[in-house]
Protein backbone atom coordinates (compact mmCIF):
# COMPACT_ATOMS: atom_id res chain seq x y z
CA MET A 1 -53.76 -33.48 62.23
CA ASN A 2 -55.64 -30.78 60.21
CA LYS A 3 -58.94 -32.26 60.22
CA ASN A 4 -58.55 -31.52 63.94
CA ILE A 5 -57.69 -28.17 63.78
CA THR A 6 -60.64 -27.56 61.53
CA ALA A 7 -62.55 -28.99 63.92
CA PHE A 8 -61.15 -27.04 67.09
CA CYS A 9 -61.78 -23.62 65.12
CA ALA A 10 -64.86 -24.69 63.82
CA LEU A 11 -65.91 -25.53 67.61
CA VAL A 12 -64.03 -22.07 68.82
CA PHE A 13 -66.30 -20.24 65.90
CA LEU A 14 -69.59 -22.18 67.17
CA SER A 15 -68.89 -21.53 70.86
CA ILE A 16 -68.35 -17.67 70.03
CA LEU A 17 -71.93 -18.02 67.56
CA LEU A 18 -73.52 -19.18 71.67
CA VAL A 19 -72.33 -17.03 73.76
CA VAL A 20 -72.51 -13.59 71.59
CA PRO A 21 -76.37 -14.06 71.51
CA LEU A 22 -76.50 -14.46 75.35
CA LYS A 23 -75.32 -11.34 76.27
CA PRO A 24 -77.95 -8.29 76.35
CA THR A 25 -77.42 -4.76 75.43
CA ASP A 26 -76.18 -2.06 78.40
CA ALA A 27 -78.12 0.30 79.79
CA VAL A 28 -75.78 3.12 80.24
CA VAL A 29 -76.37 5.36 82.85
CA VAL A 30 -76.33 8.46 82.18
CA PHE A 31 -76.90 10.12 85.06
CA SER A 32 -76.21 9.65 88.72
CA ASP A 33 -76.20 11.59 91.86
CA ASN A 34 -76.46 10.19 96.03
CA PHE A 35 -75.91 13.34 96.96
CA SER A 36 -71.96 12.99 98.18
CA SER A 37 -71.19 16.30 97.61
CA GLY A 38 -73.34 18.26 100.08
CA SER A 39 -74.84 19.69 97.44
CA PHE A 40 -77.53 19.81 94.16
CA GLU A 41 -74.99 21.06 91.98
CA HIS A 42 -75.82 17.90 89.62
CA TRP A 43 -79.00 19.16 89.08
CA SER A 44 -80.31 21.42 86.39
CA GLN A 45 -82.96 23.02 88.45
CA TYR A 46 -84.82 23.74 91.75
CA TYR A 47 -88.06 24.10 92.79
CA ALA A 48 -89.74 24.90 95.84
CA VAL A 49 -93.91 26.33 96.92
CA SER A 50 -93.45 28.30 100.29
CA GLY A 51 -92.70 26.92 103.02
CA ALA A 52 -91.26 23.60 101.14
CA SER A 53 -87.49 22.92 101.66
CA GLN A 54 -84.85 21.38 100.19
CA SER A 55 -81.71 20.01 101.92
CA VAL A 56 -78.42 17.39 102.27
CA SER A 57 -76.67 15.95 105.12
CA ASN A 58 -74.28 13.00 105.53
CA GLY A 59 -75.49 11.96 101.56
CA ILE A 60 -79.47 12.02 102.37
CA ALA A 61 -81.33 14.62 100.16
CA ARG A 62 -84.56 16.05 102.60
CA PHE A 63 -87.75 17.20 101.05
CA ILE A 64 -90.15 18.19 103.21
CA VAL A 65 -93.29 20.87 101.84
CA PRO A 66 -96.48 21.92 104.44
CA THR A 67 -99.60 19.78 103.52
CA PRO A 68 -101.63 21.44 101.20
CA THR A 69 -105.19 22.88 101.29
CA ALA A 70 -108.70 22.64 99.86
CA GLY A 71 -107.58 20.42 96.21
CA SER A 72 -104.73 22.19 95.57
CA ASN A 73 -100.72 20.87 95.64
CA ALA A 74 -96.99 21.45 97.36
CA CYS A 75 -93.87 20.68 95.69
CA SER A 76 -90.81 20.86 96.47
CA TYR A 77 -87.91 18.89 93.72
CA LEU A 78 -85.28 18.24 91.17
CA VAL A 79 -84.90 18.19 87.66
CA ARG A 80 -82.72 17.00 85.17
CA ASP A 81 -82.70 17.65 81.73
CA GLY A 82 -79.89 16.94 78.56
CA PHE A 83 -81.69 13.40 77.72
CA ILE A 84 -83.15 12.02 74.38
CA SER A 85 -85.60 8.92 74.02
CA THR A 86 -86.50 7.32 70.65
CA VAL A 87 -88.88 4.80 70.33
CA ASN A 88 -86.40 2.26 70.91
CA SER A 89 -84.64 3.54 74.28
CA THR A 90 -85.52 1.01 77.23
CA ILE A 91 -85.08 4.21 80.72
CA VAL A 92 -84.57 3.04 83.85
CA ALA A 93 -85.31 6.06 86.49
CA SER A 94 -84.33 4.87 90.36
CA GLN A 95 -84.01 5.23 93.88
CA ASP A 96 -83.79 5.15 97.06
CA ILE A 97 -86.19 6.72 99.32
CA LEU A 98 -87.48 6.71 102.51
CA VAL A 99 -91.39 8.62 102.85
CA THR A 100 -92.19 9.11 107.07
CA LYS A 101 -95.38 9.40 106.83
CA VAL A 102 -97.55 7.68 104.68
CA PRO A 103 -100.58 9.08 103.93
CA ASN A 104 -104.09 7.09 104.32
CA GLY A 105 -107.33 7.80 105.07
CA VAL A 106 -108.64 9.37 101.62
CA SER A 107 -110.14 7.20 99.19
CA GLN A 108 -107.99 5.28 96.43
CA GLY A 109 -107.54 8.33 93.78
CA ASN A 110 -107.76 10.82 95.90
CA GLY A 111 -105.10 12.32 97.94
CA ALA A 112 -101.30 11.63 96.97
CA ILE A 113 -97.32 12.19 97.51
CA PHE A 114 -94.91 11.47 94.19
CA PHE A 115 -90.96 11.40 94.57
CA LEU A 116 -90.12 10.59 91.01
CA TYR A 117 -90.79 11.41 87.19
CA VAL A 118 -89.81 11.10 83.28
CA CYS A 119 -91.13 13.81 80.87
CA ASP A 120 -90.93 15.36 77.41
CA SER A 121 -88.68 17.76 78.96
CA THR A 122 -90.37 20.58 76.15
CA ASP A 123 -93.90 20.14 78.52
CA LEU A 124 -93.60 19.07 82.16
CA GLY A 125 -96.88 18.94 82.58
CA GLY A 126 -97.29 16.31 81.08
CA ASN A 127 -99.49 16.93 77.68
CA ILE A 128 -96.87 15.93 75.80
CA GLY A 129 -95.92 12.81 78.00
CA ASN A 130 -94.92 12.07 81.37
CA ILE A 131 -94.93 8.71 84.11
CA GLY A 132 -94.51 9.52 87.80
CA ILE A 133 -94.17 7.37 90.90
CA GLY A 134 -95.77 7.65 94.08
CA ILE A 135 -98.09 6.77 96.96
CA ASP A 136 -101.30 6.94 97.31
CA GLY A 137 -103.79 7.98 100.02
CA SER A 138 -104.99 4.48 100.46
CA ARG A 139 -101.74 3.67 101.58
CA VAL A 140 -100.27 1.43 98.24
CA TRP A 141 -97.96 2.29 95.30
CA SER A 142 -99.37 4.79 92.87
CA MET A 143 -98.12 5.43 88.85
CA TRP A 144 -99.28 8.90 87.60
CA LEU A 145 -99.06 8.00 83.33
CA GLY A 146 -99.76 11.69 81.74
CA GLY A 147 -100.45 12.59 77.92
CA SER A 148 -102.55 13.23 75.29
CA LEU A 149 -102.61 9.62 74.67
CA VAL A 150 -103.55 8.57 77.77
CA TYR A 151 -103.68 10.09 81.55
CA THR A 152 -104.70 7.74 83.93
CA TYR A 153 -103.55 7.26 87.82
CA VAL A 154 -102.94 2.91 88.58
CA PHE A 155 -102.97 1.62 91.65
CA GLN A 156 -100.39 -1.40 92.78
CA THR A 157 -101.42 -5.26 92.00
CA ASN A 158 -98.73 -7.11 93.56
CA GLY A 159 -96.18 -6.81 96.82
CA PRO A 160 -95.92 -5.70 99.93
CA THR A 161 -97.38 -2.25 100.43
CA PRO A 162 -95.72 0.38 101.91
CA THR A 163 -95.27 1.85 105.79
CA SER A 164 -93.64 4.77 106.67
CA ASN A 165 -90.66 4.90 107.95
CA THR A 166 -88.64 2.52 105.88
CA TRP A 167 -86.19 2.88 103.11
CA TYR A 168 -87.35 1.34 100.16
CA HIS A 169 -85.25 1.26 96.57
CA ILE A 170 -87.89 2.05 93.40
CA ALA A 171 -87.11 1.17 90.08
CA LEU A 172 -89.04 2.16 87.24
CA THR A 173 -88.01 0.56 83.67
CA VAL A 174 -89.71 2.00 80.66
CA ASN A 175 -89.51 0.41 77.90
CA ASN A 176 -90.66 1.81 74.66
CA GLN A 177 -90.85 -0.91 72.26
CA ALA A 178 -92.84 -3.36 74.56
CA GLN A 179 -95.00 0.50 75.52
CA THR A 180 -95.07 -0.61 79.32
CA ALA A 181 -93.94 0.73 82.28
CA VAL A 182 -93.41 -1.45 85.16
CA LEU A 183 -92.43 0.03 89.16
CA GLU A 184 -90.16 -2.40 91.02
CA VAL A 185 -90.18 -2.23 95.11
CA ASN A 186 -86.62 -3.75 96.66
CA GLY A 187 -86.82 -5.76 93.66
CA VAL A 188 -90.62 -6.60 93.55
CA VAL A 189 -92.65 -5.74 91.36
CA VAL A 190 -96.27 -3.95 91.83
CA ILE A 191 -97.25 -2.44 89.09
CA ASN A 192 -97.05 -3.36 85.51
CA VAL A 193 -99.26 -1.44 82.97
CA SER A 194 -98.96 -0.53 78.91
CA GLN A 195 -98.38 2.73 78.30
CA GLN A 196 -97.47 4.59 74.75
CA GLU A 197 -96.38 8.80 76.10
CA PHE A 198 -92.64 7.93 75.28
CA THR A 199 -92.40 5.54 71.75
CA ASP A 200 -94.62 7.97 69.57
CA ASN A 201 -91.09 9.73 68.65
CA THR A 202 -87.73 11.01 69.65
CA HIS A 203 -88.06 12.82 73.22
CA PRO A 204 -85.97 15.24 75.03
CA LEU A 205 -86.22 13.89 77.96
CA SER A 206 -85.50 14.96 81.79
CA LEU A 207 -85.83 13.71 85.62
CA MET A 208 -87.33 15.05 88.43
CA SER A 209 -86.94 13.74 92.14
CA GLY A 210 -87.99 15.67 95.19
CA MET A 211 -91.27 15.68 96.81
CA GLY A 212 -94.71 16.67 95.71
CA GLU A 213 -98.25 15.87 97.83
CA ASP A 214 -102.45 16.52 96.31
CA TRP A 215 -104.55 15.99 98.93
CA TRP A 216 -108.03 16.44 98.10
CA SER A 217 -109.16 16.61 101.63
CA ASP A 218 -107.60 20.19 104.29
CA GLY A 219 -105.25 19.30 106.13
CA SER A 220 -102.53 20.69 108.18
CA GLY A 221 -98.43 20.28 108.79
CA GLN A 222 -96.31 18.92 106.35
CA GLN A 223 -94.81 15.69 104.59
CA GLU A 224 -91.55 14.69 104.42
CA ILE A 225 -89.15 12.57 102.36
CA SER A 226 -85.32 11.49 101.42
CA ILE A 227 -83.84 10.64 99.19
CA GLY A 228 -80.47 8.97 97.66
CA ASN A 229 -78.73 7.45 95.02
CA VAL A 230 -80.85 8.71 91.57
CA GLN A 231 -80.13 6.98 88.74
CA LEU A 232 -80.69 7.30 84.78
CA ASP A 233 -80.01 4.78 82.49
CA ILE A 234 -81.22 4.88 79.34
CA SER A 235 -80.70 1.51 76.49
CA ASP A 236 -79.31 2.73 73.21
CA ALA A 237 -77.99 6.33 74.46
CA SER A 238 -74.26 7.18 73.23
CA PRO A 239 -72.07 6.92 75.79
CA THR A 240 -70.36 9.85 74.91
CA SER A 241 -73.44 11.31 76.70
CA MET A 242 -72.47 10.69 79.47
CA LEU A 243 -72.29 14.05 82.05
CA SER A 244 -69.33 14.86 83.11
CA SER A 245 -70.61 15.27 87.19
CA THR A 246 -71.60 11.90 86.95
CA SER A 247 -67.98 10.68 86.46
CA ASN A 248 -67.01 8.26 89.22
CA PRO A 249 -69.88 8.18 91.20
CA ASP A 250 -70.04 6.72 95.29
CA TYR A 251 -72.16 3.81 95.93
CA SER A 252 -70.92 3.87 99.44
CA PHE A 253 -74.68 4.51 101.44
CA SER A 254 -76.74 1.84 101.58
CA PRO A 255 -80.05 2.18 103.59
CA SER A 256 -81.17 -0.56 100.81
CA PRO A 257 -80.82 -2.55 98.25
CA ASN A 258 -78.65 -0.30 95.44
CA HIS A 259 -78.77 -0.27 91.55
CA THR A 260 -75.94 -2.05 90.62
CA LEU A 261 -74.53 -0.66 87.43
CA THR A 262 -72.61 -3.66 86.42
CA THR A 263 -73.41 -7.58 86.50
CA ILE A 264 -72.41 -10.56 84.41
CA ASP A 265 -75.21 -11.84 83.06
CA ALA A 266 -76.44 -15.19 83.72
CA GLY A 267 -76.40 -16.08 80.02
CA LEU A 268 -73.08 -14.82 79.09
CA LEU A 269 -71.43 -16.34 82.23
CA PHE A 270 -72.86 -19.69 80.97
CA GLY A 271 -71.88 -19.96 77.65
CA LEU A 272 -68.38 -18.82 78.41
CA THR A 273 -68.86 -21.73 80.42
CA ILE A 274 -69.05 -24.02 77.90
CA MET A 275 -66.79 -22.84 75.35
CA SER A 276 -63.94 -22.81 77.66
CA ILE A 277 -65.04 -26.94 78.81
CA ILE A 278 -65.32 -27.40 74.48
CA ILE A 279 -61.73 -25.52 73.56
CA LEU A 280 -59.89 -27.71 76.56
CA ALA A 281 -61.11 -30.77 75.55
CA VAL A 282 -60.42 -30.18 71.48
CA LEU A 283 -56.68 -29.08 73.16
CA ILE A 284 -56.99 -32.57 75.15
CA VAL A 285 -57.85 -34.34 71.47
CA ILE A 286 -55.26 -32.02 69.53
CA SER A 287 -52.85 -33.31 71.96
CA LEU A 288 -53.61 -37.08 72.23
CA ALA A 289 -53.07 -36.70 67.86
CA VAL A 290 -50.83 -35.21 68.45
CA PHE A 291 -48.81 -37.59 70.74
CA ARG A 292 -49.99 -41.16 69.25
CA HIS A 293 -48.71 -39.27 65.44
CA LYS A 294 -45.20 -39.37 67.28
CA ARG A 295 -44.96 -42.79 67.59
């Protein structure tokens, strides 16, 4: 009987060992805003050039900028400060976006709009490091990597190209340990590149979202985008750093696939199932042994 109990305990212990390594480190949601408040109250800073505008209606933030001319730029964006990234961080910035007019008709690298950035808070200009997501003038998804080590503009290599008046869910994942930056659009990887912008040391981090346009040709009119469900996750952030303004976020607005806050990892679920089967089997064996012993 004692042998059966010992075997049972050993199997339970081994089952736990099988399960625990399968569960990944969960990212902490350090910021989220679905604009259901009808304002930009969750953000630290606002910026808009002359002629640009920012507004919120029905949980959607709308940004409009006049089309810049002669190599200038026009911006209307929000900034949220107060985060920390380390050499161990995995940073995920995501949002839903609707681009009214996808830029086109300009050679690759010569015209672009940008709408999502992560950058060092002490240098929004990018010399210490920033990574921006946008759409190039050649009608492809694009990524801007700025800093003293790297200052490059990279373009989509996979997946469907963006089209006007279409909602997309975009997610930028910056893995400092792997030194990679990955852009996913509706769950499909469209850009995957090496980067070193946030891997050198601990950075005070800012999230920027809104509308920025650079156009290296004379233009007229305006450019407009709509944004919803902005979120920032940092894998090694402390749960105590959760911002009070982001508690109980409402994710009822769903123009496109939402960034899931909580998921059950398939490996964890499989491990728990196996452990349950093992425990059940051992209990049956022990019960049979006890029954036979009594007889």
